[in-house]
Amino acid sequence: MIIKPSNPTELSKIIAGINRRFTKSLDESFIDKEISVSRIKRNEKGVWQRRFYEHIIKYEKDLHNHLDYIHYNPLKHGYVQKVCDWKHSSFHKFVKSKNYETNWGDNGSVIKVDYD
């Protein structure tokens, strides 16, 4: 996820709110029933990892690398056959604005980039 909060010191609160709303919206069948005792004590549902890692994007190339990573991930992990098949992606918005070709990422056409 790439966001630009108006107040960067509120990032933890923003992420917690997103996690909470998303988890509440899930059908119970999607929530892991075999969660640890420590997660139960913290009232965690086992949907999210406990911590998140932020990265401040400083350069345009870094932004593009992260967008490529986000858009390519569903294909990389085998959820879809083509990048454009992932209906939940912002990829479609970027195609409309001519930042990506519709077939971007198909047939291994993504240049391997170090995303760290």
PDB file of N, CA and C in Angstrom:
ATOM      1  N   MET A   1       0.850  -1.161   0.000  1.00  0.00           N
ATOM      2  CA  MET A   1       0.000   0.000   0.000  1.00  0.00           C
ATOM      3  C   MET A   1       0.901   1.232   0.000  1.00  0.00           C
ATOM      4  N   ILE A   2       0.538   2.180  -0.809  1.00  0.00           N
ATOM      5  CA  ILE A   2       1.256   3.447  -0.835  1.00  0.00           C
ATOM      6  C   ILE A   2       0.258   4.529  -0.444  1.00  0.00           C
ATOM      7  N   ILE A   3       0.601   5.248   0.609  1.00  0.00           N
ATOM      8  CA  ILE A   3      -0.265   6.340   1.060  1.00  0.00           C
ATOM      9  C   ILE A   3       0.589   7.567   1.334  1.00  0.00           C
ATOM     10  N   LYS A   4      -0.064   8.714   1.323  1.00  0.00           N
ATOM     11  CA  LYS A   4       0.590   9.971   1.672  1.00  0.00           C
ATOM     12  C   LYS A   4      -0.281  10.639   2.730  1.00  0.00           C
ATOM     13  N   PRO A   5      -0.024  10.303   4.006  1.00  0.00           N
ATOM     14  CA  PRO A   5      -0.849  10.894   5.071  1.00  0.00           C
ATOM     15  C   PRO A   5      -0.581  12.378   5.230  1.00  0.00           C
ATOM     16  N   SER A   6      -1.634  13.115   5.562  1.00  0.00           N
ATOM     17  CA  SER A   6      -1.457  14.549   5.780  1.00  0.00           C
ATOM     18  C   SER A   6      -0.605  14.805   7.024  1.00  0.00           C
ATOM     19  N   ASN A   7      -0.660  13.877   7.975  1.00  0.00           N
ATOM     20  CA  ASN A   7       0.157  13.981   9.175  1.00  0.00           C
ATOM     21  C   ASN A   7       0.908  12.653   9.350  1.00  0.00           C
ATOM     22  N   PRO A   8       2.162  12.575   8.901  1.00  0.00           N
ATOM     23  CA  PRO A   8       2.913  11.321   8.965  1.00  0.00           C
ATOM     24  C   PRO A   8       3.035  10.706  10.362  1.00  0.00           C
ATOM     25  N   THR A   9       2.909  11.511  11.416  1.00  0.00           N
ATOM     26  CA  THR A   9       2.993  10.956  12.766  1.00  0.00           C
ATOM     27  C   THR A   9       1.764  10.113  13.107  1.00  0.00           C
ATOM     28  N   GLU A  10       0.719  10.215  12.286  1.00  0.00           N
ATOM     29  CA  GLU A  10      -0.514   9.452  12.503  1.00  0.00           C
ATOM     30  C   GLU A  10      -0.510   8.121  11.749  1.00  0.00           C
ATOM     31  N   LEU A  11       0.600   7.748  11.128  1.00  0.00           N
ATOM     32  CA  LEU A  11       0.645   6.557  10.287  1.00  0.00           C
ATOM     33  C   LEU A  11       0.201   5.294  11.027  1.00  0.00           C
ATOM     34  N   SER A  12       0.659   5.085  12.235  1.00  0.00           N
ATOM     35  CA  SER A  12       0.259   3.897  12.992  1.00  0.00           C
ATOM     36  C   SER A  12      -1.244   3.858  13.229  1.00  0.00           C
ATOM     37  N   LYS A  13      -1.832   5.000  13.542  1.00  0.00           N
ATOM     38  CA  LYS A  13      -3.289   5.058  13.750  1.00  0.00           C
ATOM     39  C   LYS A  13      -4.036   4.776  12.452  1.00  0.00           C
ATOM     40  N   ILE A  14      -3.515   5.285  11.338  1.00  0.00           N
ATOM     41  CA  ILE A  14      -4.145   5.057  10.035  1.00  0.00           C
ATOM     42  C   ILE A  14      -4.126   3.563   9.700  1.00  0.00           C
ATOM     43  N   ILE A  15      -2.978   2.933   9.870  1.00  0.00           N
ATOM     44  CA  ILE A  15      -2.842   1.498   9.558  1.00  0.00           C
ATOM     45  C   ILE A  15      -3.742   0.675  10.480  1.00  0.00           C
ATOM     46  N   ALA A  16      -3.773   1.004  11.761  1.00  0.00           N
ATOM     47  CA  ALA A  16      -4.632   0.276  12.706  1.00  0.00           C
ATOM     48  C   ALA A  16      -6.102   0.394  12.311  1.00  0.00           C
ATOM     49  N   GLY A  17      -6.517   1.575  11.904  1.00  0.00           N
ATOM     50  CA  GLY A  17      -7.905   1.784  11.479  1.00  0.00           C
ATOM     51  C   GLY A  17      -8.246   0.981  10.235  1.00  0.00           C
ATOM     52  N   ILE A  18      -7.337   0.963   9.264  1.00  0.00           N
ATOM     53  CA  ILE A  18      -7.547   0.168   8.043  1.00  0.00           C
ATOM     54  C   ILE A  18      -7.658  -1.305   8.400  1.00  0.00           C
ATOM     55  N   ASN A  19      -6.736  -1.794   9.209  1.00  0.00           N
ATOM     56  CA  ASN A  19      -6.750  -3.206   9.612  1.00  0.00           C
ATOM     57  C   ASN A  19      -8.053  -3.566  10.331  1.00  0.00           C
ATOM     58  N   ARG A  20      -8.465  -2.717  11.243  1.00  0.00           N
ATOM     59  CA  ARG A  20      -9.677  -2.974  12.033  1.00  0.00           C
ATOM     60  C   ARG A  20     -10.917  -3.028  11.129  1.00  0.00           C
ATOM     61  N   ARG A  21     -11.065  -2.024  10.269  1.00  0.00           N
ATOM     62  CA  ARG A  21     -12.243  -1.987   9.381  1.00  0.00           C
ATOM     63  C   ARG A  21     -12.258  -3.158   8.405  1.00  0.00           C
ATOM     64  N   PHE A  22     -11.105  -3.488   7.871  1.00  0.00           N
ATOM     65  CA  PHE A  22     -11.025  -4.609   6.933  1.00  0.00           C
ATOM     66  C   PHE A  22     -11.389  -5.914   7.627  1.00  0.00           C
ATOM     67  N   THR A  23     -10.821  -6.142   8.805  1.00  0.00           N
ATOM     68  CA  THR A  23     -11.083  -7.385   9.533  1.00  0.00           C
ATOM     69  C   THR A  23     -12.553  -7.502   9.898  1.00  0.00           C
ATOM     70  N   LYS A  24     -13.172  -6.415  10.333  1.00  0.00           N
ATOM     71  CA  LYS A  24     -14.604  -6.445  10.666  1.00  0.00           C
ATOM     72  C   LYS A  24     -15.461  -6.737   9.445  1.00  0.00           C
ATOM     73  N   SER A  25     -14.987  -6.363   8.259  1.00  0.00           N
ATOM     74  CA  SER A  25     -15.770  -6.577   7.043  1.00  0.00           C
ATOM     75  C   SER A  25     -15.687  -8.016   6.535  1.00  0.00           C
ATOM     76  N   LEU A  26     -14.741  -8.792   7.059  1.00  0.00           N
ATOM     77  CA  LEU A  26     -14.558 -10.165   6.584  1.00  0.00           C
ATOM     78  C   LEU A  26     -15.662 -11.093   7.065  1.00  0.00           C
ATOM     79  N   ASP A  27     -16.019 -11.998   6.229  1.00  0.00           N
ATOM     80  CA  ASP A  27     -16.893 -13.098   6.622  1.00  0.00           C
ATOM     81  C   ASP A  27     -16.092 -13.962   7.601  1.00  0.00           C
ATOM     82  N   GLU A  28     -16.712 -14.448   8.627  1.00  0.00           N
ATOM     83  CA  GLU A  28     -16.013 -15.242   9.652  1.00  0.00           C
ATOM     84  C   GLU A  28     -15.273 -16.444   9.069  1.00  0.00           C
ATOM     85  N   SER A  29     -15.729 -16.971   7.927  1.00  0.00           N
ATOM     86  CA  SER A  29     -15.087 -18.145   7.341  1.00  0.00           C
ATOM     87  C   SER A  29     -13.673 -17.828   6.837  1.00  0.00           C
ATOM     88  N   PHE A  30     -13.342 -16.547   6.652  1.00  0.00           N
ATOM     89  CA  PHE A  30     -12.014 -16.173   6.200  1.00  0.00           C
ATOM     90  C   PHE A  30     -11.020 -16.014   7.346  1.00  0.00           C
ATOM     91  N   ILE A  31     -11.514 -15.984   8.559  1.00  0.00           N
ATOM     92  CA  ILE A  31     -10.645 -15.740   9.710  1.00  0.00           C
ATOM     93  C   ILE A  31     -10.124 -17.067  10.242  1.00  0.00           C
ATOM     94  N   ASP A  32      -8.822 -17.110  10.485  1.00  0.00           N
ATOM     95  CA  ASP A  32      -8.158 -18.318  10.974  1.00  0.00           C
ATOM     96  C   ASP A  32      -8.724 -18.699  12.337  1.00  0.00           C
ATOM     97  N   LYS A  33      -9.233 -19.913  12.434  1.00  0.00           N
ATOM     98  CA  LYS A  33      -9.830 -20.382  13.699  1.00  0.00           C
ATOM     99  C   LYS A  33      -8.779 -20.896  14.674  1.00  0.00           C
ATOM    100  N   GLU A  34      -7.609 -21.243  14.171  1.00  0.00           N
ATOM    101  CA  GLU A  34      -6.556 -21.800  15.024  1.00  0.00           C
ATOM    102  C   GLU A  34      -5.502 -20.734  15.314  1.00  0.00           C
ATOM    103  N   ILE A  35      -5.867 -19.741  16.094  1.00  0.00           N
ATOM    104  CA  ILE A  35      -4.929 -18.678  16.425  1.00  0.00           C
ATOM    105  C   ILE A  35      -4.305 -18.952  17.792  1.00  0.00           C
ATOM    106  N   SER A  36      -3.155 -18.370  17.998  1.00  0.00           N
ATOM    107  CA  SER A  36      -2.399 -18.628  19.222  1.00  0.00           C
ATOM    108  C   SER A  36      -3.051 -17.966  20.438  1.00  0.00           C
ATOM    109  N   VAL A  37      -2.654 -18.428  21.603  1.00  0.00           N
ATOM    110  CA  VAL A  37      -3.147 -17.873  22.863  1.00  0.00           C
ATOM    111  C   VAL A  37      -2.768 -16.398  22.964  1.00  0.00           C
ATOM    112  N   SER A  38      -1.558 -16.057  22.534  1.00  0.00           N
ATOM    113  CA  SER A  38      -1.135 -14.646  22.625  1.00  0.00           C
ATOM    114  C   SER A  38      -1.989 -13.763  21.717  1.00  0.00           C
ATOM    115  N   ARG A  39      -2.404 -14.254  20.556  1.00  0.00           N
ATOM    116  CA  ARG A  39      -3.295 -13.476  19.683  1.00  0.00           C
ATOM    117  C   ARG A  39      -4.678 -13.332  20.324  1.00  0.00           C
ATOM    118  N   ILE A  40      -5.149 -14.372  20.965  1.00  0.00           N
ATOM    119  CA  ILE A  40      -6.448 -14.312  21.650  1.00  0.00           C
ATOM    120  C   ILE A  40      -6.394 -13.270  22.759  1.00  0.00           C
ATOM    121  N   LYS A  41      -5.303 -13.259  23.546  1.00  0.00           N
ATOM    122  CA  LYS A  41      -5.151 -12.285  24.630  1.00  0.00           C
ATOM    123  C   LYS A  41      -5.149 -10.850  24.104  1.00  0.00           C
ATOM    124  N   ARG A  42      -4.618 -10.653  22.905  1.00  0.00           N
ATOM    125  CA  ARG A  42      -4.554  -9.310  22.315  1.00  0.00           C
ATOM    126  C   ARG A  42      -5.785  -9.002  21.449  1.00  0.00           C
ATOM    127  N   ASN A  43      -6.750  -9.903  21.453  1.00  0.00           N
ATOM    128  CA  ASN A  43      -7.977  -9.765  20.660  1.00  0.00           C
ATOM    129  C   ASN A  43      -7.672  -9.647  19.158  1.00  0.00           C
ATOM    130  N   GLU A  44      -6.651 -10.399  18.709  1.00  0.00           N
ATOM    131  CA  GLU A  44      -6.274 -10.409  17.302  1.00  0.00           C
ATOM    132  C   GLU A  44      -6.958 -11.583  16.609  1.00  0.00           C
ATOM    133  N   LYS A  45      -7.329 -11.384  15.367  1.00  0.00           N
ATOM    134  CA  LYS A  45      -8.056 -12.413  14.611  1.00  0.00           C
ATOM    135  C   LYS A  45      -7.146 -13.281  13.747  1.00  0.00           C
ATOM    136  N   GLY A  46      -5.862 -12.984  13.701  1.00  0.00           N
ATOM    137  CA  GLY A  46      -4.949 -13.779  12.891  1.00  0.00           C
ATOM    138  C   GLY A  46      -4.946 -13.391  11.423  1.00  0.00           C
ATOM    139  N   VAL A  47      -5.479 -12.215  11.093  1.00  0.00           N
ATOM    140  CA  VAL A  47      -5.531 -11.764   9.706  1.00  0.00           C
ATOM    141  C   VAL A  47      -4.258 -10.994   9.347  1.00  0.00           C
ATOM    142  N   TRP A  48      -3.769 -10.184  10.263  1.00  0.00           N
ATOM    143  CA  TRP A  48      -2.632  -9.302   9.999  1.00  0.00           C
ATOM    144  C   TRP A  48      -1.421  -9.725  10.804  1.00  0.00           C
ATOM    145  N   GLN A  49      -0.233  -9.441  10.259  1.00  0.00           N
ATOM    146  CA  GLN A  49       0.969  -9.579  11.074  1.00  0.00           C
ATOM    147  C   GLN A  49       0.957  -8.443  12.084  1.00  0.00           C
ATOM    148  N   ARG A  50       1.639  -8.613  13.180  1.00  0.00           N
ATOM    149  CA  ARG A  50       1.579  -7.620  14.254  1.00  0.00           C
ATOM    150  C   ARG A  50       2.205  -6.288  13.892  1.00  0.00           C
ATOM    151  N   ARG A  51       3.237  -6.332  13.114  1.00  0.00           N
ATOM    152  CA  ARG A  51       3.950  -5.093  12.814  1.00  0.00           C
ATOM    153  C   ARG A  51       3.857  -4.780  11.331  1.00  0.00           C
ATOM    154  N   PHE A  52       4.023  -3.527  11.008  1.00  0.00           N
ATOM    155  CA  PHE A  52       4.152  -3.140   9.610  1.00  0.00           C
ATOM    156  C   PHE A  52       5.478  -2.406   9.471  1.00  0.00           C
ATOM    157  N   TYR A  53       5.975  -2.378   8.269  1.00  0.00           N
ATOM    158  CA  TYR A  53       7.254  -1.738   8.016  1.00  0.00           C
ATOM    159  C   TYR A  53       7.031  -0.610   7.022  1.00  0.00           C
ATOM    160  N   GLU A  54       7.356   0.574   7.434  1.00  0.00           N
ATOM    161  CA  GLU A  54       7.157   1.724   6.567  1.00  0.00           C
ATOM    162  C   GLU A  54       8.428   2.003   5.783  1.00  0.00           C
ATOM    163  N   HIS A  55       8.235   2.616   4.655  1.00  0.00           N
ATOM    164  CA  HIS A  55       9.340   3.024   3.798  1.00  0.00           C
ATOM    165  C   HIS A  55       8.959   4.369   3.208  1.00  0.00           C
ATOM    166  N   ILE A  56       9.785   5.340   3.379  1.00  0.00           N
ATOM    167  CA  ILE A  56       9.506   6.664   2.822  1.00  0.00           C
ATOM    168  C   ILE A  56      10.058   6.711   1.404  1.00  0.00           C
ATOM    169  N   ILE A  57       9.192   7.000   0.463  1.00  0.00           N
ATOM    170  CA  ILE A  57       9.593   7.086  -0.936  1.00  0.00           C
ATOM    171  C   ILE A  57      10.116   8.492  -1.193  1.00  0.00           C
ATOM    172  N   LYS A  58      11.364   8.550  -1.631  1.00  0.00           N
ATOM    173  CA  LYS A  58      12.013   9.848  -1.811  1.00  0.00           C
ATOM    174  C   LYS A  58      12.220  10.212  -3.276  1.00  0.00           C
ATOM    175  N   TYR A  59      12.241   9.212  -4.146  1.00  0.00           N
ATOM    176  CA  TYR A  59      12.553   9.461  -5.545  1.00  0.00           C
ATOM    177  C   TYR A  59      11.477   8.842  -6.434  1.00  0.00           C
ATOM    178  N   GLU A  60      11.308   9.408  -7.612  1.00  0.00           N
ATOM    179  CA  GLU A  60      10.296   8.910  -8.543  1.00  0.00           C
ATOM    180  C   GLU A  60      10.571   7.461  -8.951  1.00  0.00           C
ATOM    181  N   LYS A  61      11.839   7.117  -9.167  1.00  0.00           N
ATOM    182  CA  LYS A  61      12.182   5.736  -9.539  1.00  0.00           C
ATOM    183  C   LYS A  61      11.777   4.767  -8.434  1.00  0.00           C
ATOM    184  N   ASP A  62      11.966   5.158  -7.192  1.00  0.00           N
ATOM    185  CA  ASP A  62      11.573   4.333  -6.051  1.00  0.00           C
ATOM    186  C   ASP A  62      10.056   4.132  -6.034  1.00  0.00           C
ATOM    187  N   LEU A  63       9.309   5.191  -6.324  1.00  0.00           N
ATOM    188  CA  LEU A  63       7.854   5.086  -6.408  1.00  0.00           C
ATOM    189  C   LEU A  63       7.455   4.088  -7.489  1.00  0.00           C
ATOM    190  N   HIS A  64       8.052   4.193  -8.666  1.00  0.00           N
ATOM    191  CA  HIS A  64       7.728   3.285  -9.763  1.00  0.00           C
ATOM    192  C   HIS A  64       8.092   1.839  -9.422  1.00  0.00           C
ATOM    193  N   ASN A  65       9.225   1.647  -8.766  1.00  0.00           N
ATOM    194  CA  ASN A  65       9.610   0.297  -8.352  1.00  0.00           C
ATOM    195  C   ASN A  65       8.579  -0.306  -7.397  1.00  0.00           C
ATOM    196  N   HIS A  66       8.095   0.495  -6.467  1.00  0.00           N
ATOM    197  CA  HIS A  66       7.104  -0.003  -5.507  1.00  0.00           C
ATOM    198  C   HIS A  66       5.754  -0.247  -6.174  1.00  0.00           C
ATOM    199  N   LEU A  67       5.372   0.603  -7.102  1.00  0.00           N
ATOM    200  CA  LEU A  67       4.127   0.373  -7.847  1.00  0.00           C
ATOM    201  C   LEU A  67       4.229  -0.928  -8.656  1.00  0.00           C
ATOM    202  N   ASP A  68       5.371  -1.138  -9.305  1.00  0.00           N
ATOM    203  CA  ASP A  68       5.569  -2.386 -10.060  1.00  0.00           C
ATOM    204  C   ASP A  68       5.456  -3.594  -9.129  1.00  0.00           C
ATOM    205  N   TYR A  69       6.085  -3.505  -7.980  1.00  0.00           N
ATOM    206  CA  TYR A  69       6.046  -4.596  -7.001  1.00  0.00           C
ATOM    207  C   TYR A  69       4.606  -4.905  -6.582  1.00  0.00           C
ATOM    208  N   ILE A  70       3.858  -3.877  -6.255  1.00  0.00           N
ATOM    209  CA  ILE A  70       2.471  -4.051  -5.817  1.00  0.00           C
ATOM    210  C   ILE A  70       1.621  -4.647  -6.934  1.00  0.00           C
ATOM    211  N   HIS A  71       1.774  -4.132  -8.133  1.00  0.00           N
ATOM    212  CA  HIS A  71       0.944  -4.596  -9.242  1.00  0.00           C
ATOM    213  C   HIS A  71       1.311  -6.005  -9.700  1.00  0.00           C
ATOM    214  N   TYR A  72       2.568  -6.383  -9.578  1.00  0.00           N
ATOM    215  CA  TYR A  72       3.012  -7.697 -10.034  1.00  0.00           C
ATOM    216  C   TYR A  72       2.762  -8.809  -9.008  1.00  0.00           C
ATOM    217  N   ASN A  73       2.612  -8.457  -7.748  1.00  0.00           N
ATOM    218  CA  ASN A  73       2.494  -9.446  -6.670  1.00  0.00           C
ATOM    219  C   ASN A  73       1.402 -10.499  -6.862  1.00  0.00           C
ATOM    220  N   PRO A  74       0.175 -10.154  -7.256  1.00  0.00           N
ATOM    221  CA  PRO A  74      -0.847 -11.203  -7.424  1.00  0.00           C
ATOM    222  C   PRO A  74      -0.459 -12.250  -8.468  1.00  0.00           C
ATOM    223  N   LEU A  75       0.223 -11.826  -9.524  1.00  0.00           N
ATOM    224  CA  LEU A  75       0.707 -12.775 -10.530  1.00  0.00           C
ATOM    225  C   LEU A  75       1.857 -13.596  -9.966  1.00  0.00           C
ATOM    226  N   LYS A  76       2.787 -12.940  -9.323  1.00  0.00           N
ATOM    227  CA  LYS A  76       3.959 -13.609  -8.741  1.00  0.00           C
ATOM    228  C   LYS A  76       3.547 -14.736  -7.792  1.00  0.00           C
ATOM    229  N   HIS A  77       2.479 -14.512  -7.027  1.00  0.00           N
ATOM    230  CA  HIS A  77       2.044 -15.498  -6.035  1.00  0.00           C
ATOM    231  C   HIS A  77       0.984 -16.460  -6.568  1.00  0.00           C
ATOM    232  N   GLY A  78       0.716 -16.384  -7.872  1.00  0.00           N
ATOM    233  CA  GLY A  78      -0.149 -17.364  -8.514  1.00  0.00           C
ATOM    234  C   GLY A  78      -1.644 -17.146  -8.338  1.00  0.00           C
ATOM    235  N   TYR A  79      -2.058 -15.968  -7.933  1.00  0.00           N
ATOM    236  CA  TYR A  79      -3.490 -15.691  -7.765  1.00  0.00           C
ATOM    237  C   TYR A  79      -4.196 -15.454  -9.095  1.00  0.00           C
ATOM    238  N   VAL A  80      -3.426 -14.999 -10.092  1.00  0.00           N
ATOM    239  CA  VAL A  80      -3.979 -14.712 -11.417  1.00  0.00           C
ATOM    240  C   VAL A  80      -2.980 -15.158 -12.478  1.00  0.00           C
ATOM    241  N   GLN A  81      -3.465 -15.242 -13.709  1.00  0.00           N
ATOM    242  CA  GLN A  81      -2.603 -15.590 -14.841  1.00  0.00           C
ATOM    243  C   GLN A  81      -1.972 -14.356 -15.487  1.00  0.00           C
ATOM    244  N   LYS A  82      -2.624 -13.203 -15.314  1.00  0.00           N
ATOM    245  CA  LYS A  82      -2.129 -11.935 -15.868  1.00  0.00           C
ATOM    246  C   LYS A  82      -2.312 -10.850 -14.810  1.00  0.00           C
ATOM    247  N   VAL A  83      -1.448  -9.856 -14.828  1.00  0.00           N
ATOM    248  CA  VAL A  83      -1.540  -8.750 -13.874  1.00  0.00           C
ATOM    249  C   VAL A  83      -2.917  -8.092 -13.952  1.00  0.00           C
ATOM    250  N   CYS A  84      -3.433  -7.911 -15.159  1.00  0.00           N
ATOM    251  CA  CYS A  84      -4.711  -7.211 -15.329  1.00  0.00           C
ATOM    252  C   CYS A  84      -5.906  -8.029 -14.823  1.00  0.00           C
ATOM    253  N   ASP A  85      -5.704  -9.299 -14.498  1.00  0.00           N
ATOM    254  CA  ASP A  85      -6.796 -10.140 -13.997  1.00  0.00           C
ATOM    255  C   ASP A  85      -7.134  -9.885 -12.527  1.00  0.00           C
ATOM    256  N   TRP A  86      -6.242  -9.233 -11.791  1.00  0.00           N
ATOM    257  CA  TRP A  86      -6.496  -8.977 -10.363  1.00  0.00           C
ATOM    258  C   TRP A  86      -7.430  -7.778 -10.254  1.00  0.00           C
ATOM    259  N   LYS A  87      -8.702  -8.035  -9.992  1.00  0.00           N
ATOM    260  CA  LYS A  87      -9.718  -6.979 -10.038  1.00  0.00           C
ATOM    261  C   LYS A  87      -9.584  -5.947  -8.917  1.00  0.00           C
ATOM    262  N   HIS A  88      -8.858  -6.281  -7.849  1.00  0.00           N
ATOM    263  CA  HIS A  88      -8.730  -5.375  -6.705  1.00  0.00           C
ATOM    264  C   HIS A  88      -7.562  -4.394  -6.845  1.00  0.00           C
ATOM    265  N   SER A  89      -6.879  -4.440  -7.957  1.00  0.00           N
ATOM    266  CA  SER A  89      -5.648  -3.684  -8.130  1.00  0.00           C
ATOM    267  C   SER A  89      -5.874  -2.260  -8.637  1.00  0.00           C
ATOM    268  N   SER A  90      -4.995  -1.378  -8.212  1.00  0.00           N
ATOM    269  CA  SER A  90      -4.976  -0.022  -8.768  1.00  0.00           C
ATOM    270  C   SER A  90      -4.360  -0.036 -10.170  1.00  0.00           C
ATOM    271  N   PHE A  91      -3.864  -1.174 -10.594  1.00  0.00           N
ATOM    272  CA  PHE A  91      -3.265  -1.320 -11.925  1.00  0.00           C
ATOM    273  C   PHE A  91      -4.198  -0.784 -13.007  1.00  0.00           C
ATOM    274  N   HIS A  92      -5.490  -1.062 -12.883  1.00  0.00           N
ATOM    275  CA  HIS A  92      -6.466  -0.646 -13.893  1.00  0.00           C
ATOM    276  C   HIS A  92      -6.530   0.882 -14.012  1.00  0.00           C
ATOM    277  N   LYS A  93      -6.427   1.562 -12.890  1.00  0.00           N
ATOM    278  CA  LYS A  93      -6.398   3.037 -12.887  1.00  0.00           C
ATOM    279  C   LYS A  93      -5.152   3.540 -13.613  1.00  0.00           C
ATOM    280  N   PHE A  94      -4.026   2.875 -13.384  1.00  0.00           N
ATOM    281  CA  PHE A  94      -2.780   3.285 -14.022  1.00  0.00           C
ATOM    282  C   PHE A  94      -2.785   2.982 -15.517  1.00  0.00           C
ATOM    283  N   VAL A  95      -3.468   1.930 -15.936  1.00  0.00           N
ATOM    284  CA  VAL A  95      -3.611   1.641 -17.368  1.00  0.00           C
ATOM    285  C   VAL A  95      -4.435   2.750 -18.023  1.00  0.00           C
ATOM    286  N   LYS A  96      -5.538   3.137 -17.377  1.00  0.00           N
ATOM    287  CA  LYS A  96      -6.397   4.200 -17.927  1.00  0.00           C
ATOM    288  C   LYS A  96      -5.639   5.515 -18.084  1.00  0.00           C
ATOM    289  N   SER A  97      -4.727   5.775 -17.142  1.00  0.00           N
ATOM    290  CA  SER A  97      -3.959   7.020 -17.227  1.00  0.00           C
ATOM    291  C   SER A  97      -2.682   6.853 -18.060  1.00  0.00           C
ATOM    292  N   LYS A  98      -2.565   5.705 -18.739  1.00  0.00           N
ATOM    293  CA  LYS A  98      -1.470   5.422 -19.673  1.00  0.00           C
ATOM    294  C   LYS A  98      -0.096   5.295 -19.001  1.00  0.00           C
ATOM    295  N   ASN A  99      -0.083   4.899 -17.726  1.00  0.00           N
ATOM    296  CA  ASN A  99       1.192   4.640 -17.047  1.00  0.00           C
ATOM    297  C   ASN A  99       1.677   3.208 -17.257  1.00  0.00           C
ATOM    298  N   TYR A 100       0.753   2.321 -17.599  1.00  0.00           N
ATOM    299  CA  TYR A 100       1.083   0.926 -17.894  1.00  0.00           C
ATOM    300  C   TYR A 100       0.315   0.509 -19.143  1.00  0.00           C
ATOM    301  N   GLU A 101       0.896  -0.428 -19.887  1.00  0.00           N
ATOM    302  CA  GLU A 101       0.179  -1.091 -20.969  1.00  0.00           C
ATOM    303  C   GLU A 101      -0.699  -2.171 -20.336  1.00  0.00           C
ATOM    304  N   THR A 102      -1.821  -2.492 -20.956  1.00  0.00           N
ATOM    305  CA  THR A 102      -2.741  -3.501 -20.413  1.00  0.00           C
ATOM    306  C   THR A 102      -2.050  -4.838 -20.186  1.00  0.00           C
ATOM    307  N   ASN A 103      -1.120  -5.195 -21.051  1.00  0.00           N
ATOM    308  CA  ASN A 103      -0.453  -6.502 -20.936  1.00  0.00           C
ATOM    309  C   ASN A 103       0.857  -6.436 -20.150  1.00  0.00           C
ATOM    310  N   TRP A 104       1.095  -5.346 -19.419  1.00  0.00           N
ATOM    311  CA  TRP A 104       2.313  -5.217 -18.615  1.00  0.00           C
ATOM    312  C   TRP A 104       2.407  -6.396 -17.650  1.00  0.00           C
ATOM    313  N   GLY A 105       3.564  -6.972 -17.567  1.00  0.00           N
ATOM    314  CA  GLY A 105       3.801  -8.066 -16.630  1.00  0.00           C
ATOM    315  C   GLY A 105       3.479  -9.433 -17.175  1.00  0.00           C
ATOM    316  N   ASP A 106       2.824  -9.521 -18.317  1.00  0.00           N
ATOM    317  CA  ASP A 106       2.508 -10.818 -18.913  1.00  0.00           C
ATOM    318  C   ASP A 106       3.780 -11.439 -19.491  1.00  0.00           C
ATOM    319  N   ASN A 107       3.845 -12.739 -19.460  1.00  0.00           N
ATOM    320  CA  ASN A 107       4.968 -13.476 -20.057  1.00  0.00           C
ATOM    321  C   ASN A 107       6.330 -13.024 -19.539  1.00  0.00           C
ATOM    322  N   GLY A 108       6.379 -12.660 -18.269  1.00  0.00           N
ATOM    323  CA  GLY A 108       7.659 -12.289 -17.663  1.00  0.00           C
ATOM    324  C   GLY A 108       8.246 -11.002 -18.204  1.00  0.00           C
ATOM    325  N   SER A 109       7.419 -10.109 -18.716  1.00  0.00           N
ATOM    326  CA  SER A 109       7.925  -8.874 -19.317  1.00  0.00           C
ATOM    327  C   SER A 109       8.341  -7.825 -18.283  1.00  0.00           C
ATOM    328  N   VAL A 110       8.252  -8.156 -17.009  1.00  0.00           N
ATOM    329  CA  VAL A 110       8.649  -7.208 -15.961  1.00  0.00           C
ATOM    330  C   VAL A 110      10.158  -7.317 -15.764  1.00  0.00           C
ATOM    331  N   ILE A 111      10.819  -6.186 -15.769  1.00  0.00           N
ATOM    332  CA  ILE A 111      12.258  -6.171 -15.500  1.00  0.00           C
ATOM    333  C   ILE A 111      12.437  -6.444 -14.019  1.00  0.00           C
ATOM    334  N   LYS A 112      13.311  -7.388 -13.676  1.00  0.00           N
ATOM    335  CA  LYS A 112      13.527  -7.718 -12.270  1.00  0.00           C
ATOM    336  C   LYS A 112      14.187  -6.517 -11.599  1.00  0.00           C
ATOM    337  N   VAL A 113      13.559  -6.051 -10.529  1.00  0.00           N
ATOM    338  CA  VAL A 113      14.041  -4.886  -9.797  1.00  0.00           C
ATOM    339  C   VAL A 113      14.218  -5.279  -8.344  1.00  0.00           C
ATOM    340  N   ASP A 114      15.261  -4.774  -7.713  1.00  0.00           N
ATOM    341  CA  ASP A 114      15.470  -5.007  -6.289  1.00  0.00           C
ATOM    342  C   ASP A 114      14.554  -4.059  -5.527  1.00  0.00           C
ATOM    343  N   TYR A 115      13.560  -4.608  -4.822  1.00  0.00           N
ATOM    344  CA  TYR A 115      12.560  -3.789  -4.153  1.00  0.00           C
ATOM    345  C   TYR A 115      12.910  -3.457  -2.712  1.00  0.00           C
ATOM    346  N   ASP A 116      14.056  -3.839  -2.247  1.00  0.00           N
ATOM    347  CA  ASP A 116      14.426  -3.572  -0.854  1.00  0.00           C
ATOM    348  C   ASP A 116      14.925  -2.170  -0.664  1.00  0.00           C
TER     349      ASP A 116
END
